[in-house]
């Protein structure tokens, strides 16, 4: 999905139109994601600083930002970054727009990024930054059991 971004201020020349590319179906990281963590950039850095000496943490290059919908004629935007932690791909996401619709985000994540269930299939493999230990625990349990994404 492509989105045009940039609006002029009333007394300035128009801003150039910027194209933002957001293509979850083509980006295999969305389908390979083992666990989702809602975290701002600052929270991601804090998590990395707390955990990178205790686990194998490999950043996975550039993330992406894109529009998932519209609320009150304003875009609802998500930003994603990934890290491979002890061999499992973890997706970090944040809503980076002026408006946020959590139901819309939940629906979009369910349709485009479906990590396996954890805790013996009793809950979704998602958490916020404060509960990141759930992500680490799920990775440890999957690795101990020898589970891949397909069997987790």
Foldseek 3Di string as FASTA:
>chain_A
DWDWDFADDPPDDGDDTDIFDDDLVVPCLLAQAQAEEEEDPVLVVVCCVVPVVPWPKAWDDAWGKDFQDDDPNFTFMKIWTWIQTNNGIYIYMYTDTPDHDVVSVVVVSVVRHAHQAFPVRPGGRYYYSVVCVSNVVRSVVCVVVVHHRVRD
